[in-house]
Amino acid sequence: MSQTVADLVRHAGVVLKAAGIEDAPREARALVALALGVAPDRVRLLSHDNVPPDAAARLQDLLDRRAGQRVPMSHLTGWRDFYRHRFEVSGAVLDPRSDTETLVEAALEQPFRHVLDLGTGSGCILLSLLAARPEAAGLGTDVSPEALAFADRNARRLGVAERCLLLQSDWYEAVEGRFDLIVSNPPYITADEMTELAPELRHEPRVALTDEGDGLSAYRRIVPGAVSHLRPGGRLMVEIGWTQAAEVSRLFREAGFQEVSVIRDLEGRDRVISGQSPA
């Protein structure tokens, strides 16, 4: 008996819901669209069409990966929407999350012409800032050449590659010059917290998630090092875990930063620490 597209969507929804996927109906339509090779908004229009056997087989493979292995949806589609743009992603880079948009929005509240993004990954922070500020240029660093390759492709897609330099570097190791703004979303999850995370995070680079310690190691390098890489009055802005505001703020003040503030995300959780270098 032939299957229709609607049959596939119902089947996918049942499998995803049984696996505990939160938004099973939406993801079911997205996976069926992938299997069919069409845009998600076309699935409803095709609901009464019969499904080719190869498409049904592709869907089963996608369901095995999403529901069985808990591969993130973004790794199956190959992209993630972040801020105002679409970024190419895979297991080689940290999956951009809406919480990090808080950092982008806060950074855009004041002017800058030269920005440094430490641990740029997919480039989602740096490239979003450059796309919003046509007069600005930026440098993105990462220890991973695979991540830098993704950032480069994303920069070209967003049309900012000519204003963006990407450099393999362990934090400031290969960085020269001074900047108006330094931003970073470093690994801040503690080793103990890693076991409590959603299974999808097993498919992201562990080095981008945790320092295998107390979650503060990166800040102990980023914050003091920023002093010699910021112009007078320049800003340092870092994303944090929601329990880390006091400790990271202390590091800012000990390094001599002024106007140290905590910025909350849309859920009301501490998300970003901002500070200004001495004039």
C-alpha atoms as a PDB file:
ATOM      1  CA  MET A   1       0.000   0.000   0.000  1.00  0.00           C
ATOM      2  CA  SER A   2       1.407   3.372  -1.012  1.00  0.00           C
ATOM      3  CA  GLN A   3       2.158   6.023   1.584  1.00  0.00           C
ATOM      4  CA  THR A   4       1.252   9.662   1.287  1.00  0.00           C
ATOM      5  CA  VAL A   5       3.259  12.617   2.517  1.00  0.00           C
ATOM      6  CA  ALA A   6       0.698  13.063   5.302  1.00  0.00           C
ATOM      7  CA  ASP A   7       1.345   9.457   6.381  1.00  0.00           C
ATOM      8  CA  LEU A   8       5.067  10.180   6.613  1.00  0.00           C
ATOM      9  CA  VAL A   9       4.503  13.308   8.683  1.00  0.00           C
ATOM     10  CA  ARG A  10       2.256  11.418  11.130  1.00  0.00           C
ATOM     11  CA  HIS A  11       4.755   8.572  11.417  1.00  0.00           C
ATOM     12  CA  ALA A  12       7.665  10.952  11.967  1.00  0.00           C
ATOM     13  CA  GLY A  13       5.720  12.853  14.618  1.00  0.00           C
ATOM     14  CA  VAL A  14       4.949   9.660  16.552  1.00  0.00           C
ATOM     15  CA  VAL A  15       8.596   8.540  16.479  1.00  0.00           C
ATOM     16  CA  LEU A  16       9.934  11.928  17.540  1.00  0.00           C
ATOM     17  CA  LYS A  17       7.384  12.360  20.318  1.00  0.00           C
ATOM     18  CA  ALA A  18       8.211   8.901  21.692  1.00  0.00           C
ATOM     19  CA  ALA A  19      11.889   9.917  21.755  1.00  0.00           C
ATOM     20  CA  GLY A  20      11.066  12.985  23.863  1.00  0.00           C
ATOM     21  CA  ILE A  21      11.660  15.586  21.157  1.00  0.00           C
ATOM     22  CA  GLU A  22       9.961  18.760  22.396  1.00  0.00           C
ATOM     23  CA  ASP A  23       8.637  20.183  19.139  1.00  0.00           C
ATOM     24  CA  ALA A  24       7.882  16.874  17.427  1.00  0.00           C
ATOM     25  CA  PRO A  25       5.241  18.155  14.937  1.00  0.00           C
ATOM     26  CA  ARG A  26       7.457  20.919  13.554  1.00  0.00           C
ATOM     27  CA  GLU A  27      10.517  18.696  13.356  1.00  0.00           C
ATOM     28  CA  ALA A  28       8.453  15.943  11.707  1.00  0.00           C
ATOM     29  CA  ARG A  29       7.528  18.301   8.874  1.00  0.00           C
ATOM     30  CA  ALA A  30      11.124  19.481   8.589  1.00  0.00           C
ATOM     31  CA  LEU A  31      12.477  15.932   8.359  1.00  0.00           C
ATOM     32  CA  VAL A  32       9.893  14.942   5.766  1.00  0.00           C
ATOM     33  CA  ALA A  33      10.851  18.021   3.770  1.00  0.00           C
ATOM     34  CA  LEU A  34      14.504  16.943   3.923  1.00  0.00           C
ATOM     35  CA  ALA A  35      13.594  13.437   2.814  1.00  0.00           C
ATOM     36  CA  LEU A  36      11.569  14.784  -0.104  1.00  0.00           C
ATOM     37  CA  GLY A  37      14.080  17.477  -1.015  1.00  0.00           C
ATOM     38  CA  VAL A  38      11.550  20.296  -0.738  1.00  0.00           C
ATOM     39  CA  ALA A  39      11.119  23.400   1.408  1.00  0.00           C
ATOM     40  CA  PRO A  40       9.255  22.780   4.719  1.00  0.00           C
ATOM     41  CA  ASP A  41       6.395  25.049   3.671  1.00  0.00           C
ATOM     42  CA  ARG A  42       5.741  22.747   0.707  1.00  0.00           C
ATOM     43  CA  VAL A  43       4.980  19.698   2.862  1.00  0.00           C
ATOM     44  CA  ARG A  44       1.362  20.642   3.572  1.00  0.00           C
ATOM     45  CA  LEU A  45       0.717  21.279  -0.130  1.00  0.00           C
ATOM     46  CA  LEU A  46       2.012  17.795  -0.962  1.00  0.00           C
ATOM     47  CA  SER A  47       0.143  16.009   1.850  1.00  0.00           C
ATOM     48  CA  HIS A  48      -1.969  13.836  -0.481  1.00  0.00           C
ATOM     49  CA  ASP A  49       0.879  12.938  -2.841  1.00  0.00           C
ATOM     50  CA  ASN A  50       2.309   9.431  -2.846  1.00  0.00           C
ATOM     51  CA  VAL A  51       5.829   9.059  -1.502  1.00  0.00           C
ATOM     52  CA  PRO A  52       8.641   7.500  -3.573  1.00  0.00           C
ATOM     53  CA  PRO A  53      10.285   4.527  -1.773  1.00  0.00           C
ATOM     54  CA  ASP A  54      13.666   6.266  -1.737  1.00  0.00           C
ATOM     55  CA  ALA A  55      12.161   9.241   0.133  1.00  0.00           C
ATOM     56  CA  ALA A  56      10.648   6.919   2.744  1.00  0.00           C
ATOM     57  CA  ALA A  57      14.061   5.292   3.197  1.00  0.00           C
ATOM     58  CA  ARG A  58      15.728   8.706   3.564  1.00  0.00           C
ATOM     59  CA  LEU A  59      13.199   9.667   6.216  1.00  0.00           C
ATOM     60  CA  GLN A  60      13.866   6.498   8.173  1.00  0.00           C
ATOM     61  CA  ASP A  61      17.582   7.268   8.189  1.00  0.00           C
ATOM     62  CA  LEU A  62      16.873  10.811   9.384  1.00  0.00           C
ATOM     63  CA  LEU A  63      14.583   9.524  12.142  1.00  0.00           C
ATOM     64  CA  ASP A  64      17.211   7.021  13.260  1.00  0.00           C
ATOM     65  CA  ARG A  65      19.723   9.834  13.594  1.00  0.00           C
ATOM     66  CA  ARG A  66      17.404  12.409  15.193  1.00  0.00           C
ATOM     67  CA  ALA A  67      15.321  10.202  17.498  1.00  0.00           C
ATOM     68  CA  GLY A  68      17.732   7.343  18.068  1.00  0.00           C
ATOM     69  CA  GLN A  69      21.117   9.041  18.161  1.00  0.00           C
ATOM     70  CA  ARG A  70      19.755  12.498  19.119  1.00  0.00           C
ATOM     71  CA  VAL A  71      21.751  14.243  16.411  1.00  0.00           C
ATOM     72  CA  PRO A  72      20.793  17.941  16.560  1.00  0.00           C
ATOM     73  CA  MET A  73      18.297  19.073  13.966  1.00  0.00           C
ATOM     74  CA  SER A  74      20.761  21.691  12.746  1.00  0.00           C
ATOM     75  CA  HIS A  75      23.302  18.983  11.925  1.00  0.00           C
ATOM     76  CA  LEU A  76      20.742  17.227   9.757  1.00  0.00           C
ATOM     77  CA  THR A  77      19.698  20.384   7.916  1.00  0.00           C
ATOM     78  CA  GLY A  78      23.224  21.833   7.890  1.00  0.00           C
ATOM     79  CA  TRP A  79      22.186  25.259   9.133  1.00  0.00           C
ATOM     80  CA  ARG A  80      20.970  27.241  12.117  1.00  0.00           C
ATOM     81  CA  ASP A  81      19.178  30.585  12.135  1.00  0.00           C
ATOM     82  CA  PHE A  82      20.834  33.051  14.506  1.00  0.00           C
ATOM     83  CA  TYR A  83      20.061  36.724  15.030  1.00  0.00           C
ATOM     84  CA  ARG A  84      19.124  37.878  11.496  1.00  0.00           C
ATOM     85  CA  HIS A  85      21.052  35.349   9.445  1.00  0.00           C
ATOM     86  CA  ARG A  86      21.405  31.687   8.555  1.00  0.00           C
ATOM     87  CA  PHE A  87      24.693  29.993   9.429  1.00  0.00           C
ATOM     88  CA  GLU A  88      26.172  26.777   8.106  1.00  0.00           C
ATOM     89  CA  VAL A  89      26.935  24.410  10.994  1.00  0.00           C
ATOM     90  CA  SER A  90      27.972  20.843  11.723  1.00  0.00           C
ATOM     91  CA  GLY A  91      29.463  18.845  14.574  1.00  0.00           C
ATOM     92  CA  ALA A  92      32.707  20.770  14.032  1.00  0.00           C
ATOM     93  CA  VAL A  93      31.325  23.983  15.564  1.00  0.00           C
ATOM     94  CA  LEU A  94      29.211  25.014  18.519  1.00  0.00           C
ATOM     95  CA  ASP A  95      25.569  25.249  17.482  1.00  0.00           C
ATOM     96  CA  PRO A  96      24.504  28.927  17.706  1.00  0.00           C
ATOM     97  CA  ARG A  97      21.796  29.477  20.314  1.00  0.00           C
ATOM     98  CA  SER A  98      19.340  32.271  20.866  1.00  0.00           C
ATOM     99  CA  ASP A  99      20.857  33.062  24.290  1.00  0.00           C
ATOM    100  CA  THR A 100      23.971  34.297  22.506  1.00  0.00           C
ATOM    101  CA  GLU A 101      21.916  36.873  20.604  1.00  0.00           C
ATOM    102  CA  THR A 102      21.937  38.801  23.900  1.00  0.00           C
ATOM    103  CA  LEU A 103      25.660  39.380  23.409  1.00  0.00           C
ATOM    104  CA  VAL A 104      25.212  40.560  19.822  1.00  0.00           C
ATOM    105  CA  GLU A 105      22.414  42.958  20.716  1.00  0.00           C
ATOM    106  CA  ALA A 106      24.338  44.408  23.660  1.00  0.00           C
ATOM    107  CA  ALA A 107      27.484  44.875  21.567  1.00  0.00           C
ATOM    108  CA  LEU A 108      25.515  46.797  18.940  1.00  0.00           C
ATOM    109  CA  GLU A 109      24.290  49.333  21.487  1.00  0.00           C
ATOM    110  CA  GLN A 110      27.548  51.283  21.177  1.00  0.00           C
ATOM    111  CA  PRO A 111      29.766  52.188  18.212  1.00  0.00           C
ATOM    112  CA  PHE A 112      32.860  50.198  17.195  1.00  0.00           C
ATOM    113  CA  ARG A 113      35.066  49.963  14.122  1.00  0.00           C
ATOM    114  CA  HIS A 114      37.385  47.082  14.949  1.00  0.00           C
ATOM    115  CA  VAL A 115      36.170  43.969  16.748  1.00  0.00           C
ATOM    116  CA  LEU A 116      37.907  40.786  17.930  1.00  0.00           C
ATOM    117  CA  ASP A 117      35.917  37.582  18.457  1.00  0.00           C
ATOM    118  CA  LEU A 118      37.794  34.978  20.501  1.00  0.00           C
ATOM    119  CA  GLY A 119      36.746  31.394  19.796  1.00  0.00           C
ATOM    120  CA  THR A 120      34.617  32.394  16.829  1.00  0.00           C
ATOM    121  CA  GLY A 121      33.358  28.901  15.875  1.00  0.00           C
ATOM    122  CA  SER A 122      30.761  29.289  13.110  1.00  0.00           C
ATOM    123  CA  GLY A 123      31.404  33.035  13.198  1.00  0.00           C
ATOM    124  CA  CYS A 124      27.840  33.751  14.300  1.00  0.00           C
ATOM    125  CA  ILE A 125      28.767  36.547  16.734  1.00  0.00           C
ATOM    126  CA  LEU A 126      31.460  38.270  14.684  1.00  0.00           C
ATOM    127  CA  LEU A 127      29.647  38.029  11.361  1.00  0.00           C
ATOM    128  CA  SER A 128      26.347  39.227  12.821  1.00  0.00           C
ATOM    129  CA  LEU A 129      28.156  42.279  14.198  1.00  0.00           C
ATOM    130  CA  LEU A 130      29.887  43.017  10.895  1.00  0.00           C
ATOM    131  CA  ALA A 131      26.681  42.580   8.909  1.00  0.00           C
ATOM    132  CA  ALA A 132      24.992  45.133  11.170  1.00  0.00           C
ATOM    133  CA  ARG A 133      27.902  47.603  10.971  1.00  0.00           C
ATOM    134  CA  PRO A 134      29.033  48.046   7.342  1.00  0.00           C
ATOM    135  CA  GLU A 135      31.801  50.414   8.439  1.00  0.00           C
ATOM    136  CA  ALA A 136      33.377  47.879  10.831  1.00  0.00           C
ATOM    137  CA  ALA A 137      36.081  45.252  10.330  1.00  0.00           C
ATOM    138  CA  GLY A 138      36.836  42.254  12.493  1.00  0.00           C
ATOM    139  CA  LEU A 139      39.160  39.425  13.445  1.00  0.00           C
ATOM    140  CA  GLY A 140      37.898  36.009  14.476  1.00  0.00           C
ATOM    141  CA  THR A 141      40.149  33.439  16.124  1.00  0.00           C
ATOM    142  CA  ASP A 142      39.725  29.754  16.863  1.00  0.00           C
ATOM    143  CA  VAL A 143      42.029  26.836  17.649  1.00  0.00           C
ATOM    144  CA  SER A 144      40.070  24.633  15.232  1.00  0.00           C
ATOM    145  CA  PRO A 145      40.843  24.877  11.501  1.00  0.00           C
ATOM    146  CA  GLU A 146      37.534  23.090  10.801  1.00  0.00           C
ATOM    147  CA  ALA A 147      35.639  25.802  12.681  1.00  0.00           C
ATOM    148  CA  LEU A 148      37.506  28.528  10.805  1.00  0.00           C
ATOM    149  CA  ALA A 149      36.509  26.908   7.506  1.00  0.00           C
ATOM    150  CA  PHE A 150      32.847  27.153   8.522  1.00  0.00           C
ATOM    151  CA  ALA A 151      33.323  30.771   9.614  1.00  0.00           C
ATOM    152  CA  ASP A 152      34.925  31.574   6.259  1.00  0.00           C
ATOM    153  CA  ARG A 153      32.029  30.085   4.277  1.00  0.00           C
ATOM    154  CA  ASN A 154      29.529  31.915   6.461  1.00  0.00           C
ATOM    155  CA  ALA A 155      31.421  35.186   6.003  1.00  0.00           C
ATOM    156  CA  ARG A 156      31.276  34.786   2.232  1.00  0.00           C
ATOM    157  CA  ARG A 157      27.586  33.950   2.320  1.00  0.00           C
ATOM    158  CA  LEU A 158      26.820  37.052   4.419  1.00  0.00           C
ATOM    159  CA  GLY A 159      28.944  39.263   2.171  1.00  0.00           C
ATOM    160  CA  VAL A 160      31.365  40.399   4.893  1.00  0.00           C
ATOM    161  CA  ALA A 161      34.442  38.327   4.001  1.00  0.00           C
ATOM    162  CA  GLU A 162      36.387  41.364   2.778  1.00  0.00           C
ATOM    163  CA  ARG A 163      36.037  42.965   6.218  1.00  0.00           C
ATOM    164  CA  CYS A 164      36.781  39.805   8.174  1.00  0.00           C
ATOM    165  CA  LEU A 165      40.113  38.134   8.963  1.00  0.00           C
ATOM    166  CA  LEU A 166      40.048  34.613  10.396  1.00  0.00           C
ATOM    167  CA  LEU A 167      43.070  33.351  12.288  1.00  0.00           C
ATOM    168  CA  GLN A 168      44.005  30.097  13.996  1.00  0.00           C
ATOM    169  CA  SER A 169      44.983  31.098  17.511  1.00  0.00           C
ATOM    170  CA  ASP A 170      44.720  29.911  21.100  1.00  0.00           C
ATOM    171  CA  TRP A 171      42.927  32.957  22.495  1.00  0.00           C
ATOM    172  CA  TYR A 172      45.365  35.909  22.088  1.00  0.00           C
ATOM    173  CA  GLU A 173      48.396  33.827  21.107  1.00  0.00           C
ATOM    174  CA  ALA A 174      48.587  35.001  17.463  1.00  0.00           C
ATOM    175  CA  VAL A 175      46.620  38.245  17.873  1.00  0.00           C
ATOM    176  CA  GLU A 176      48.277  41.607  17.256  1.00  0.00           C
ATOM    177  CA  GLY A 177      46.930  45.128  17.558  1.00  0.00           C
ATOM    178  CA  ARG A 178      44.179  46.752  19.573  1.00  0.00           C
ATOM    179  CA  PHE A 179      40.422  46.761  19.151  1.00  0.00           C
ATOM    180  CA  ASP A 180      37.397  48.841  20.085  1.00  0.00           C
ATOM    181  CA  LEU A 181      35.483  45.736  21.087  1.00  0.00           C
ATOM    182  CA  ILE A 182      36.393  42.198  22.148  1.00  0.00           C
ATOM    183  CA  VAL A 183      33.651  39.573  22.349  1.00  0.00           C
ATOM    184  CA  SER A 184      33.667  35.899  23.237  1.00  0.00           C
ATOM    185  CA  ASN A 185      31.410  32.974  24.018  1.00  0.00           C
ATOM    186  CA  PRO A 186      34.003  30.674  25.618  1.00  0.00           C
ATOM    187  CA  PRO A 187      33.537  27.171  27.053  1.00  0.00           C
ATOM    188  CA  TYR A 188      31.960  27.784  30.463  1.00  0.00           C
ATOM    189  CA  ILE A 189      30.188  24.549  31.398  1.00  0.00           C
ATOM    190  CA  THR A 190      31.818  22.778  34.332  1.00  0.00           C
ATOM    191  CA  ALA A 191      33.002  19.182  34.033  1.00  0.00           C
ATOM    192  CA  ASP A 192      30.361  18.097  36.573  1.00  0.00           C
ATOM    193  CA  GLU A 193      27.564  19.775  34.596  1.00  0.00           C
ATOM    194  CA  MET A 194      28.415  17.973  31.356  1.00  0.00           C
ATOM    195  CA  THR A 195      26.644  14.787  32.452  1.00  0.00           C
ATOM    196  CA  GLU A 196      23.395  16.724  32.969  1.00  0.00           C
ATOM    197  CA  LEU A 197      23.214  18.266  29.501  1.00  0.00           C
ATOM    198  CA  ALA A 198      20.796  17.392  26.720  1.00  0.00           C
ATOM    199  CA  PRO A 199      21.938  14.395  24.646  1.00  0.00           C
ATOM    200  CA  GLU A 200      22.196  16.575  21.523  1.00  0.00           C
ATOM    201  CA  LEU A 201      25.251  18.277  23.012  1.00  0.00           C
ATOM    202  CA  ARG A 202      27.228  15.038  22.698  1.00  0.00           C
ATOM    203  CA  HIS A 203      27.416  15.829  18.982  1.00  0.00           C
ATOM    204  CA  GLU A 204      29.027  19.251  19.469  1.00  0.00           C
ATOM    205  CA  PRO A 205      32.775  19.813  20.032  1.00  0.00           C
ATOM    206  CA  ARG A 206      33.396  19.198  23.715  1.00  0.00           C
ATOM    207  CA  VAL A 207      36.250  21.706  23.759  1.00  0.00           C
ATOM    208  CA  ALA A 208      33.754  24.459  22.873  1.00  0.00           C
ATOM    209  CA  LEU A 209      31.495  23.523  25.791  1.00  0.00           C
ATOM    210  CA  THR A 210      33.690  22.844  28.813  1.00  0.00           C
ATOM    211  CA  ASP A 211      37.157  23.544  30.181  1.00  0.00           C
ATOM    212  CA  GLU A 212      37.003  20.180  31.971  1.00  0.00           C
ATOM    213  CA  GLY A 213      37.228  22.126  35.213  1.00  0.00           C
ATOM    214  CA  ASP A 214      35.252  24.829  37.015  1.00  0.00           C
ATOM    215  CA  GLY A 215      34.049  26.578  33.842  1.00  0.00           C
ATOM    216  CA  LEU A 216      36.098  29.713  34.506  1.00  0.00           C
ATOM    217  CA  SER A 217      39.481  28.857  32.951  1.00  0.00           C
ATOM    218  CA  ALA A 218      38.792  30.702  29.691  1.00  0.00           C
ATOM    219  CA  TYR A 219      37.793  33.895  31.515  1.00  0.00           C
ATOM    220  CA  ARG A 220      41.046  33.790  33.487  1.00  0.00           C
ATOM    221  CA  ARG A 221      42.874  34.164  30.164  1.00  0.00           C
ATOM    222  CA  ILE A 222      40.437  36.313  28.209  1.00  0.00           C
ATOM    223  CA  VAL A 223      39.841  39.046  30.784  1.00  0.00           C
ATOM    224  CA  PRO A 224      43.445  39.935  31.789  1.00  0.00           C
ATOM    225  CA  GLY A 225      44.617  39.553  28.198  1.00  0.00           C
ATOM    226  CA  ALA A 226      42.010  41.985  26.936  1.00  0.00           C
ATOM    227  CA  VAL A 227      43.692  44.899  28.699  1.00  0.00           C
ATOM    228  CA  SER A 228      46.607  44.942  26.240  1.00  0.00           C
ATOM    229  CA  HIS A 229      44.366  44.316  23.216  1.00  0.00           C
ATOM    230  CA  LEU A 230      41.753  47.027  23.775  1.00  0.00           C
ATOM    231  CA  ARG A 231      42.021  50.671  22.878  1.00  0.00           C
ATOM    232  CA  PRO A 232      41.430  53.108  25.760  1.00  0.00           C
ATOM    233  CA  GLY A 233      37.726  53.059  26.515  1.00  0.00           C
ATOM    234  CA  GLY A 234      37.214  49.870  24.527  1.00  0.00           C
ATOM    235  CA  ARG A 235      34.776  47.209  25.669  1.00  0.00           C
ATOM    236  CA  LEU A 236      35.080  43.546  26.587  1.00  0.00           C
ATOM    237  CA  MET A 237      31.866  41.509  26.467  1.00  0.00           C
ATOM    238  CA  VAL A 238      31.655  37.797  27.258  1.00  0.00           C
ATOM    239  CA  GLU A 239      28.825  35.311  27.491  1.00  0.00           C
ATOM    240  CA  ILE A 240      28.605  33.429  30.789  1.00  0.00           C
ATOM    241  CA  GLY A 241      26.692  30.631  32.419  1.00  0.00           C
ATOM    242  CA  TRP A 242      23.800  31.975  34.446  1.00  0.00           C
ATOM    243  CA  THR A 243      25.513  31.217  37.813  1.00  0.00           C
ATOM    244  CA  GLN A 244      28.868  32.806  36.952  1.00  0.00           C
ATOM    245  CA  ALA A 245      28.136  36.534  37.049  1.00  0.00           C
ATOM    246  CA  ALA A 246      29.788  37.220  40.424  1.00  0.00           C
ATOM    247  CA  GLU A 247      33.025  35.355  39.654  1.00  0.00           C
ATOM    248  CA  VAL A 248      33.465  36.728  36.137  1.00  0.00           C
ATOM    249  CA  SER A 249      32.600  40.280  37.265  1.00  0.00           C
ATOM    250  CA  ARG A 250      35.303  39.940  39.918  1.00  0.00           C
ATOM    251  CA  LEU A 251      37.844  39.012  37.238  1.00  0.00           C
ATOM    252  CA  PHE A 252      36.842  42.122  35.254  1.00  0.00           C
ATOM    253  CA  ARG A 253      37.322  44.408  38.241  1.00  0.00           C
ATOM    254  CA  GLU A 254      40.623  42.814  39.239  1.00  0.00           C
ATOM    255  CA  ALA A 255      41.908  43.458  35.705  1.00  0.00           C
ATOM    256  CA  GLY A 256      40.996  47.148  36.037  1.00  0.00           C
ATOM    257  CA  PHE A 257      37.825  47.234  33.946  1.00  0.00           C
ATOM    258  CA  GLN A 258      35.323  49.978  34.685  1.00  0.00           C
ATOM    259  CA  GLU A 259      31.541  50.142  34.361  1.00  0.00           C
ATOM    260  CA  VAL A 260      31.304  46.390  34.824  1.00  0.00           C
ATOM    261  CA  SER A 261      27.722  45.294  34.281  1.00  0.00           C
ATOM    262  CA  VAL A 262      25.656  42.120  34.033  1.00  0.00           C
ATOM    263  CA  ILE A 263      23.223  41.812  31.129  1.00  0.00           C
ATOM    264  CA  ARG A 264      20.328  39.384  31.298  1.00  0.00           C
ATOM    265  CA  ASP A 265      18.831  37.329  28.486  1.00  0.00           C
ATOM    266  CA  LEU A 266      15.158  37.171  27.517  1.00  0.00           C
ATOM    267  CA  GLU A 267      14.544  34.543  30.202  1.00  0.00           C
ATOM    268  CA  GLY A 268      15.855  36.901  32.880  1.00  0.00           C
ATOM    269  CA  ARG A 269      19.067  34.945  33.466  1.00  0.00           C
ATOM    270  CA  ASP A 270      22.505  36.519  33.791  1.00  0.00           C
ATOM    271  CA  ARG A 271      24.037  36.037  30.331  1.00  0.00           C
ATOM    272  CA  VAL A 272      26.687  38.655  29.480  1.00  0.00           C
ATOM    273  CA  ILE A 273      29.352  40.544  31.425  1.00  0.00           C
ATOM    274  CA  SER A 274      30.470  43.859  29.956  1.00  0.00           C
ATOM    275  CA  GLY A 275      33.288  46.141  31.008  1.00  0.00           C
ATOM    276  CA  GLN A 276      35.191  49.164  29.713  1.00  0.00           C
ATOM    277  CA  SER A 277      38.957  49.367  29.613  1.00  0.00           C
ATOM    278  CA  PRO A 278      40.592  52.276  31.444  1.00  0.00           C
ATOM    279  CA  ALA A 279      40.828  55.446  29.354  1.00  0.00           C
END
